[in-house]
N, C-alpha and C. Protein backbone atom coordinates (compact mmCIF):
# COMPACT_ATOMS: atom_id res chain seq x y z
N MET A 1 -17.56 5.14 1.98
CA MET A 1 -16.86 6.05 2.76
C MET A 1 -16.23 5.28 3.77
N THR A 2 -14.95 5.76 4.31
CA THR A 2 -14.26 5.07 5.27
C THR A 2 -13.54 6.09 6.19
N THR A 3 -13.26 5.82 7.45
CA THR A 3 -12.54 6.76 8.20
C THR A 3 -11.30 6.04 8.93
N GLY A 4 -10.16 6.66 8.93
CA GLY A 4 -9.04 6.16 9.55
C GLY A 4 -8.51 7.02 10.69
N MET A 5 -8.10 6.59 11.87
CA MET A 5 -7.71 7.43 12.88
C MET A 5 -6.33 7.01 13.46
N TRP A 6 -5.54 7.80 13.60
CA TRP A 6 -4.21 7.70 14.20
C TRP A 6 -3.86 8.72 15.28
N ARG A 7 -3.47 8.24 16.47
CA ARG A 7 -3.40 9.22 17.41
C ARG A 7 -4.42 10.27 17.55
N ARG A 8 -4.19 11.60 17.14
CA ARG A 8 -5.01 12.64 17.04
C ARG A 8 -5.52 13.08 15.60
N LEU A 9 -5.02 12.27 14.65
CA LEU A 9 -5.41 12.48 13.28
C LEU A 9 -6.56 11.57 12.66
N GLY A 10 -7.57 12.25 12.14
CA GLY A 10 -8.58 11.62 11.45
C GLY A 10 -8.57 11.91 10.07
N VAL A 11 -8.68 10.83 9.21
CA VAL A 11 -8.64 10.87 7.57
C VAL A 11 -9.89 10.26 7.26
N HIS A 12 -10.78 10.88 6.45
CA HIS A 12 -12.09 10.42 6.03
C HIS A 12 -12.20 10.40 4.50
N ALA A 13 -12.37 9.51 3.84
CA ALA A 13 -12.55 9.33 2.31
C ALA A 13 -14.00 9.08 2.05
N PHE A 14 -14.41 9.76 0.95
CA PHE A 14 -15.64 9.78 0.38
C PHE A 14 -15.65 9.50 -1.09
N HIS A 15 -16.46 8.47 -1.58
CA HIS A 15 -16.71 8.26 -2.89
C HIS A 15 -18.15 7.83 -3.31
N GLY A 16 -18.87 8.49 -4.03
CA GLY A 16 -20.00 8.21 -4.52
C GLY A 16 -21.33 8.58 -3.52
N LYS A 17 -22.31 8.05 -3.63
CA LYS A 17 -23.46 8.43 -2.82
C LYS A 17 -23.32 8.21 -1.32
N LEU A 18 -23.59 9.15 -0.40
CA LEU A 18 -23.59 9.13 0.85
C LEU A 18 -25.07 9.28 1.38
N THR A 19 -25.54 8.13 1.99
CA THR A 19 -26.99 8.22 2.47
C THR A 19 -27.15 8.66 3.68
N LEU A 20 -28.30 8.99 4.12
CA LEU A 20 -28.68 9.28 5.67
C LEU A 20 -28.31 8.19 6.61
N ASP A 21 -28.30 6.94 6.09
CA ASP A 21 -27.99 5.97 6.98
C ASP A 21 -26.44 5.88 7.06
N ASP A 22 -25.80 6.17 6.01
CA ASP A 22 -24.28 6.18 6.12
C ASP A 22 -23.83 7.34 6.96
N MET A 23 -24.63 8.37 7.06
CA MET A 23 -24.36 9.61 7.90
C MET A 23 -24.49 9.13 9.33
N THR A 24 -25.62 8.34 9.55
CA THR A 24 -26.01 8.04 11.01
C THR A 24 -24.86 7.17 11.50
N ARG A 25 -24.24 6.29 10.68
CA ARG A 25 -23.18 5.30 11.09
C ARG A 25 -21.90 6.09 11.34
N MET A 26 -21.55 7.02 10.55
CA MET A 26 -20.43 7.86 10.60
C MET A 26 -20.64 8.61 11.93
N GLU A 27 -21.65 9.29 12.21
CA GLU A 27 -21.91 9.98 13.39
C GLU A 27 -21.66 9.27 14.65
N VAL A 28 -22.29 8.02 14.61
CA VAL A 28 -22.10 7.19 15.68
C VAL A 28 -20.72 6.75 16.03
N ALA A 29 -20.09 6.46 14.91
CA ALA A 29 -18.59 5.99 15.11
C ALA A 29 -17.73 7.25 15.59
N GLY A 30 -18.03 8.35 15.10
CA GLY A 30 -17.50 9.57 15.59
C GLY A 30 -17.70 9.82 16.99
N THR A 31 -18.75 9.70 17.49
CA THR A 31 -19.18 9.93 18.80
C THR A 31 -18.44 8.83 19.78
N VAL A 32 -18.28 7.74 19.38
CA VAL A 32 -17.59 6.59 20.14
C VAL A 32 -16.17 6.99 20.05
N TRP A 33 -15.61 7.31 19.04
CA TRP A 33 -14.12 7.50 18.98
C TRP A 33 -13.87 8.83 19.95
N HIS A 34 -14.65 9.77 19.93
CA HIS A 34 -14.33 10.96 20.71
C HIS A 34 -14.59 10.79 22.07
N LYS A 35 -15.53 9.93 22.35
CA LYS A 35 -15.52 9.62 23.88
C LYS A 35 -14.39 8.82 24.38
N LYS A 36 -13.94 7.85 23.45
CA LYS A 36 -12.58 7.18 23.86
C LYS A 36 -11.47 7.95 23.90
N ASN A 37 -11.24 8.96 23.00
CA ASN A 37 -10.09 9.80 22.77
C ASN A 37 -10.38 11.16 22.79
N PRO A 38 -10.81 11.86 24.18
CA PRO A 38 -11.21 13.11 24.29
C PRO A 38 -10.04 14.06 24.01
N GLY A 39 -10.35 15.19 23.28
CA GLY A 39 -9.32 16.29 23.11
C GLY A 39 -9.17 16.72 21.63
N LYS A 40 -8.30 17.45 21.34
CA LYS A 40 -8.21 18.16 20.05
C LYS A 40 -7.73 17.08 19.08
N VAL A 41 -8.18 17.24 17.80
CA VAL A 41 -7.89 16.58 16.56
C VAL A 41 -7.54 17.39 15.33
N VAL A 42 -6.89 16.83 14.37
CA VAL A 42 -6.69 17.35 13.01
C VAL A 42 -7.29 16.40 12.19
N GLU A 43 -8.10 16.86 11.13
CA GLU A 43 -8.89 16.05 10.20
C GLU A 43 -8.56 16.49 8.79
N MET A 44 -8.59 15.39 8.01
CA MET A 44 -8.49 15.56 6.54
C MET A 44 -9.64 14.69 5.86
N VAL A 45 -10.31 15.59 4.95
CA VAL A 45 -11.38 14.77 4.20
C VAL A 45 -10.95 14.77 2.95
N ILE A 46 -11.09 13.49 2.13
CA ILE A 46 -10.64 13.20 0.66
C ILE A 46 -12.04 12.91 -0.02
N ILE A 47 -12.19 13.75 -1.08
CA ILE A 47 -13.51 13.25 -1.86
C ILE A 47 -12.94 13.01 -3.16
N TYR A 48 -13.29 11.75 -3.44
CA TYR A 48 -12.98 11.24 -4.80
C TYR A 48 -14.10 11.80 -5.85
N PRO A 49 -13.76 11.86 -7.12
CA PRO A 49 -14.60 12.34 -8.07
C PRO A 49 -15.79 11.27 -8.27
N SER A 50 -16.92 11.98 -8.36
CA SER A 50 -18.14 10.98 -8.73
C SER A 50 -19.35 11.95 -9.15
N ASP A 51 -20.33 11.27 -9.59
CA ASP A 51 -21.61 11.98 -10.20
C ASP A 51 -22.63 12.11 -9.02
N ALA A 52 -22.26 11.47 -7.87
CA ALA A 52 -23.33 11.57 -6.81
C ALA A 52 -23.55 13.12 -6.40
N ARG A 53 -24.95 13.38 -6.01
CA ARG A 53 -25.18 14.83 -5.49
C ARG A 53 -25.92 14.44 -4.30
N MET A 54 -26.05 15.47 -3.34
CA MET A 54 -26.78 15.26 -2.05
C MET A 54 -27.99 16.23 -2.35
N ASN A 55 -29.06 15.68 -1.80
CA ASN A 55 -30.40 16.34 -1.56
C ASN A 55 -30.31 17.36 -0.53
N ASN A 56 -31.20 18.23 -0.29
CA ASN A 56 -31.18 19.27 0.76
C ASN A 56 -31.07 18.62 2.11
N GLU A 57 -31.96 17.39 2.37
CA GLU A 57 -31.87 16.82 3.69
C GLU A 57 -30.51 16.38 3.98
N GLU A 58 -29.88 15.64 2.99
CA GLU A 58 -28.60 15.06 3.07
C GLU A 58 -27.48 16.32 3.30
N ARG A 59 -27.55 17.35 2.60
CA ARG A 59 -26.63 18.45 2.81
C ARG A 59 -26.76 18.95 4.32
N GLU A 60 -28.00 19.30 4.71
CA GLU A 60 -28.20 19.70 6.03
C GLU A 60 -27.57 18.85 7.12
N ARG A 61 -27.83 17.52 6.95
CA ARG A 61 -27.50 16.42 7.90
C ARG A 61 -25.95 16.68 8.05
N MET A 62 -25.10 16.52 6.83
CA MET A 62 -23.67 16.63 6.74
C MET A 62 -23.31 17.77 7.39
N ALA A 63 -23.83 19.03 7.07
CA ALA A 63 -23.38 20.23 7.66
C ALA A 63 -23.44 20.13 9.33
N ALA A 64 -24.51 19.60 9.84
CA ALA A 64 -24.69 19.33 11.24
C ALA A 64 -23.45 18.50 11.81
N ILE A 65 -23.29 17.46 11.08
CA ILE A 65 -22.04 16.52 11.34
C ILE A 65 -20.68 17.16 11.52
N VAL A 66 -20.46 17.92 10.44
CA VAL A 66 -19.22 18.71 10.44
C VAL A 66 -19.14 19.66 11.61
N LYS A 67 -20.28 20.45 11.87
CA LYS A 67 -20.21 21.52 12.92
C LYS A 67 -20.12 20.84 14.31
N ARG A 68 -20.64 19.63 14.40
CA ARG A 68 -20.70 19.06 15.71
C ARG A 68 -19.33 18.98 16.36
N TRP A 69 -18.31 18.75 15.69
CA TRP A 69 -17.09 18.44 16.22
C TRP A 69 -15.90 19.59 15.98
N GLU A 70 -16.52 20.69 15.19
CA GLU A 70 -15.45 21.67 14.89
C GLU A 70 -14.82 22.31 16.08
N ARG A 71 -15.41 22.30 17.32
CA ARG A 71 -14.69 22.98 18.56
C ARG A 71 -13.39 22.11 18.82
N VAL A 72 -13.34 20.85 18.47
CA VAL A 72 -12.30 20.13 18.91
C VAL A 72 -11.24 19.99 17.90
N ARG A 73 -11.39 20.45 16.66
CA ARG A 73 -10.45 20.55 15.59
C ARG A 73 -9.47 21.56 15.74
N THR A 74 -8.15 21.35 15.49
CA THR A 74 -7.20 22.34 15.57
C THR A 74 -6.93 22.76 14.16
N ALA A 75 -7.22 21.91 13.15
CA ALA A 75 -7.11 22.27 11.83
C ALA A 75 -7.82 21.23 10.90
N SER A 76 -8.09 21.63 9.72
CA SER A 76 -8.76 20.50 8.79
C SER A 76 -8.55 20.93 7.39
N ALA A 77 -8.30 19.88 6.62
CA ALA A 77 -8.03 20.05 5.24
C ALA A 77 -9.15 19.21 4.37
N THR A 78 -9.63 19.84 3.39
CA THR A 78 -10.43 19.06 2.40
C THR A 78 -9.83 18.93 1.16
N VAL A 79 -9.84 17.70 0.64
CA VAL A 79 -9.09 17.45 -0.64
C VAL A 79 -10.14 16.99 -1.78
N VAL A 80 -10.31 17.82 -2.62
CA VAL A 80 -11.45 17.48 -3.59
C VAL A 80 -10.54 16.99 -5.03
N LEU A 81 -10.61 15.72 -5.20
CA LEU A 81 -9.72 15.22 -6.25
C LEU A 81 -10.36 15.30 -7.55
N ALA A 82 -11.52 15.82 -7.82
CA ALA A 82 -12.06 15.96 -9.08
C ALA A 82 -11.15 17.07 -9.81
N GLY A 83 -10.91 16.70 -11.02
CA GLY A 83 -10.15 17.58 -11.88
C GLY A 83 -10.99 18.52 -12.75
N GLY A 84 -10.06 19.31 -13.68
CA GLY A 84 -10.85 20.19 -14.48
C GLY A 84 -11.69 21.29 -13.92
N LEU A 85 -12.61 21.82 -14.71
CA LEU A 85 -13.43 22.92 -14.30
C LEU A 85 -14.44 22.69 -13.18
N VAL A 86 -14.87 21.36 -13.17
CA VAL A 86 -15.74 20.85 -12.07
C VAL A 86 -14.98 20.86 -10.81
N GLY A 87 -13.78 20.25 -10.66
CA GLY A 87 -13.01 20.30 -9.45
C GLY A 87 -12.61 21.71 -9.05
N ALA A 88 -12.35 22.57 -9.94
CA ALA A 88 -11.98 23.91 -9.68
C ALA A 88 -13.22 24.63 -9.03
N MET A 89 -14.40 24.27 -9.58
CA MET A 89 -15.59 25.00 -9.14
C MET A 89 -15.84 24.41 -7.69
N HIS A 90 -15.70 23.21 -7.47
CA HIS A 90 -16.04 22.68 -6.17
C HIS A 90 -15.16 23.15 -5.06
N ARG A 91 -13.92 23.21 -5.38
CA ARG A 91 -12.86 23.79 -4.55
C ARG A 91 -13.06 25.25 -4.20
N SER A 92 -13.58 26.07 -5.19
CA SER A 92 -13.75 27.50 -5.10
C SER A 92 -15.08 27.59 -4.26
N ILE A 93 -16.07 26.90 -4.31
CA ILE A 93 -17.30 26.92 -3.48
C ILE A 93 -16.95 26.67 -2.06
N LEU A 94 -16.31 25.66 -1.94
CA LEU A 94 -15.89 25.25 -0.38
C LEU A 94 -15.02 26.34 0.08
N THR A 95 -14.14 26.86 -0.54
CA THR A 95 -13.19 27.92 -0.10
C THR A 95 -14.01 29.23 0.38
N GLY A 96 -14.89 29.47 -0.60
CA GLY A 96 -15.95 30.52 -0.27
C GLY A 96 -16.82 30.47 0.91
N LEU A 97 -17.29 29.07 1.02
CA LEU A 97 -18.03 28.91 2.16
C LEU A 97 -17.26 29.11 3.57
N HIS A 98 -16.02 28.73 3.50
CA HIS A 98 -15.10 28.92 4.51
C HIS A 98 -14.85 30.26 4.89
N MET A 99 -14.93 31.07 3.93
CA MET A 99 -14.75 32.56 4.11
C MET A 99 -16.03 33.22 4.68
N LEU A 100 -17.08 32.72 4.14
CA LEU A 100 -18.34 33.34 4.72
C LEU A 100 -18.75 32.87 6.07
N ALA A 101 -18.51 31.65 6.36
CA ALA A 101 -18.79 31.02 7.64
C ALA A 101 -17.69 30.38 8.24
N PRO A 102 -16.53 31.08 8.64
CA PRO A 102 -15.31 30.34 8.89
C PRO A 102 -15.47 29.62 10.17
N PRO A 103 -14.83 28.32 10.15
CA PRO A 103 -14.85 27.67 11.36
C PRO A 103 -13.84 28.16 12.51
N PRO A 104 -13.85 27.77 13.68
CA PRO A 104 -13.00 28.20 14.75
C PRO A 104 -11.59 27.69 14.60
N HIS A 105 -11.21 27.15 13.57
CA HIS A 105 -9.84 26.63 13.25
C HIS A 105 -9.26 26.90 11.97
N PRO A 106 -7.95 26.69 11.75
CA PRO A 106 -7.52 27.06 10.31
C PRO A 106 -7.99 25.74 9.53
N THR A 107 -8.51 26.20 8.41
CA THR A 107 -9.11 25.11 7.26
C THR A 107 -8.55 25.57 5.93
N LYS A 108 -8.44 24.62 4.99
CA LYS A 108 -7.93 24.98 3.76
C LYS A 108 -8.39 23.76 2.77
N VAL A 109 -8.79 24.27 1.62
CA VAL A 109 -9.20 23.27 0.54
C VAL A 109 -8.17 22.98 -0.52
N PHE A 110 -7.77 21.83 -0.83
CA PHE A 110 -6.82 21.40 -1.82
C PHE A 110 -7.42 20.59 -3.03
N GLY A 111 -6.48 20.50 -4.06
CA GLY A 111 -6.72 19.64 -5.24
C GLY A 111 -5.88 18.33 -5.08
N GLY A 112 -5.00 18.16 -4.27
CA GLY A 112 -4.13 16.96 -4.06
C GLY A 112 -3.68 16.67 -2.61
N ILE A 113 -3.47 15.48 -2.43
CA ILE A 113 -3.28 14.94 -1.06
C ILE A 113 -1.93 15.43 -0.58
N ALA A 114 -0.86 15.38 -1.33
CA ALA A 114 0.42 15.79 -1.03
C ALA A 114 0.45 17.25 -0.36
N GLU A 115 -0.27 18.21 -1.21
CA GLU A 115 -0.27 19.49 -0.69
C GLU A 115 -0.98 19.65 0.61
N ALA A 116 -2.07 18.89 0.91
CA ALA A 116 -2.93 18.99 2.11
C ALA A 116 -2.09 18.45 3.16
N ALA A 117 -1.39 17.19 2.95
CA ALA A 117 -0.56 16.67 3.99
C ALA A 117 0.45 17.62 4.43
N ASN A 118 1.32 18.35 3.47
CA ASN A 118 2.31 19.13 3.89
C ASN A 118 1.67 20.44 4.62
N TRP A 119 0.58 20.93 4.35
CA TRP A 119 0.06 21.96 5.06
C TRP A 119 -0.45 21.41 6.46
N MET A 120 -0.90 20.49 6.68
CA MET A 120 -1.44 19.79 8.02
C MET A 120 -0.31 19.40 8.85
N LEU A 121 0.88 19.08 8.17
CA LEU A 121 2.11 18.49 9.00
C LEU A 121 2.32 19.24 10.38
N PRO A 122 2.46 20.46 10.41
CA PRO A 122 2.75 21.15 11.74
C PRO A 122 1.71 20.85 12.82
N TYR A 123 0.41 21.01 12.25
CA TYR A 123 -0.80 20.65 13.29
C TYR A 123 -0.82 19.30 13.77
N VAL A 124 -0.43 18.34 12.77
CA VAL A 124 -0.40 16.87 13.04
C VAL A 124 0.65 16.60 14.13
N GLN A 125 1.92 17.23 13.95
CA GLN A 125 3.04 17.05 14.79
C GLN A 125 2.74 17.67 16.07
N ALA A 126 2.05 18.91 16.25
CA ALA A 126 1.77 19.47 17.43
C ALA A 126 0.86 18.51 18.33
N LEU A 127 -0.04 17.80 17.65
CA LEU A 127 -0.98 16.91 18.45
C LEU A 127 -0.52 15.56 18.53
N CYS A 128 0.20 14.95 17.66
CA CYS A 128 0.50 13.54 17.58
C CYS A 128 1.89 13.39 17.91
N GLY A 129 2.75 14.36 18.12
CA GLY A 129 4.14 14.14 18.23
C GLY A 129 4.92 14.43 16.96
N ASP A 130 6.27 14.88 17.31
CA ASP A 130 7.08 15.02 15.95
C ASP A 130 7.97 13.98 15.66
N ASP A 131 7.70 12.61 15.96
CA ASP A 131 8.39 11.50 15.76
C ASP A 131 8.25 10.93 14.45
N PHE A 132 7.68 11.69 13.58
CA PHE A 132 7.60 11.27 12.17
C PHE A 132 7.66 12.69 11.17
N GLY A 133 7.87 12.52 10.12
CA GLY A 133 7.98 13.66 9.02
C GLY A 133 6.94 13.75 8.07
N GLY A 134 6.96 14.73 7.07
CA GLY A 134 6.04 14.81 6.11
C GLY A 134 5.98 13.64 5.21
N ASP A 135 7.08 12.96 4.97
CA ASP A 135 7.19 11.86 4.03
C ASP A 135 6.34 10.65 4.78
N ASP A 136 6.52 10.52 5.96
CA ASP A 136 5.86 9.50 6.85
C ASP A 136 4.45 9.75 6.70
N LEU A 137 3.94 11.06 7.01
CA LEU A 137 2.46 11.44 6.86
C LEU A 137 1.85 11.17 5.55
N LEU A 138 2.52 11.54 4.62
CA LEU A 138 2.07 11.38 3.11
C LEU A 138 1.91 9.84 2.86
N THR A 139 2.97 9.09 3.22
CA THR A 139 2.86 7.60 3.08
C THR A 139 1.62 6.98 3.71
N ALA A 140 1.58 7.21 4.92
CA ALA A 140 0.37 6.71 5.61
C ALA A 140 -0.97 7.18 5.09
N ILE A 141 -1.15 8.40 4.60
CA ILE A 141 -2.24 8.79 4.00
C ILE A 141 -2.53 8.05 2.59
N ASP A 142 -1.59 8.03 1.84
CA ASP A 142 -1.51 7.19 0.62
C ASP A 142 -1.84 5.76 0.83
N ASP A 143 -1.28 5.06 1.84
CA ASP A 143 -1.61 3.72 2.16
C ASP A 143 -2.91 3.66 2.44
N PHE A 144 -3.58 4.66 3.35
CA PHE A 144 -5.03 4.48 3.56
C PHE A 144 -5.90 4.81 2.34
N CYS A 145 -5.50 5.55 1.38
CA CYS A 145 -6.25 5.87 0.17
C CYS A 145 -6.09 4.56 -0.74
N THR A 146 -5.21 4.00 -0.80
CA THR A 146 -4.94 2.73 -1.60
C THR A 146 -5.82 1.62 -1.03
N ALA A 147 -5.89 1.44 0.35
CA ALA A 147 -6.74 0.35 0.83
C ALA A 147 -8.22 0.87 0.65
N PHE A 148 -8.59 2.02 0.78
CA PHE A 148 -9.88 2.53 0.39
C PHE A 148 -10.34 2.37 -1.00
N GLN A 149 -9.40 2.50 -1.96
CA GLN A 149 -9.73 2.30 -3.35
C GLN A 149 -9.78 0.83 -3.59
N LYS A 150 -9.14 -0.15 -2.83
CA LYS A 150 -9.22 -1.53 -3.28
C LYS A 150 -10.56 -2.01 -2.63
N THR A 151 -11.11 -1.47 -1.62
CA THR A 151 -12.45 -1.84 -1.07
C THR A 151 -13.53 -1.38 -2.04
N ARG A 152 -13.41 -0.24 -2.69
CA ARG A 152 -14.37 0.19 -3.66
C ARG A 152 -14.39 -0.71 -4.91
N GLU A 153 -13.16 -1.40 -5.27
CA GLU A 153 -13.12 -2.24 -6.35
C GLU A 153 -13.88 -3.45 -6.10
N GLU A 154 -13.85 -3.96 -4.85
CA GLU A 154 -14.23 -5.31 -4.63
C GLU A 154 -15.84 -5.39 -4.62
């Protein structure tokens, strides 16, 4: 798991097992970042395919982490990169959960990074400035993902 922040944009990448200790580190880092940079944010979560599953305690903890900062998000996108029926099922479940318990900001689930970046662009530009375009945003996110994948390989 890794997180990247630029201006008011946060991008979080996940692959494999996320332990309670990982969640604690993620929560502490998020708290520090929000204290140093108070205000609204736009966030993208990228979930790489894996066989990892969360138990009930891990799911509850992750749900609490997500809810903790939802009041300062202007928009959020979740990208589930798993393909086929499994990926479609996960994206459908997340979409359904957003419909049953909608967050206080626009949110959408995607199967690809480019579509998510395109959807997020107006929100990112509103918070971070419009001195860059969609290609710039997609390139930055792709570079972030490439760096994340390299750390996974090492």
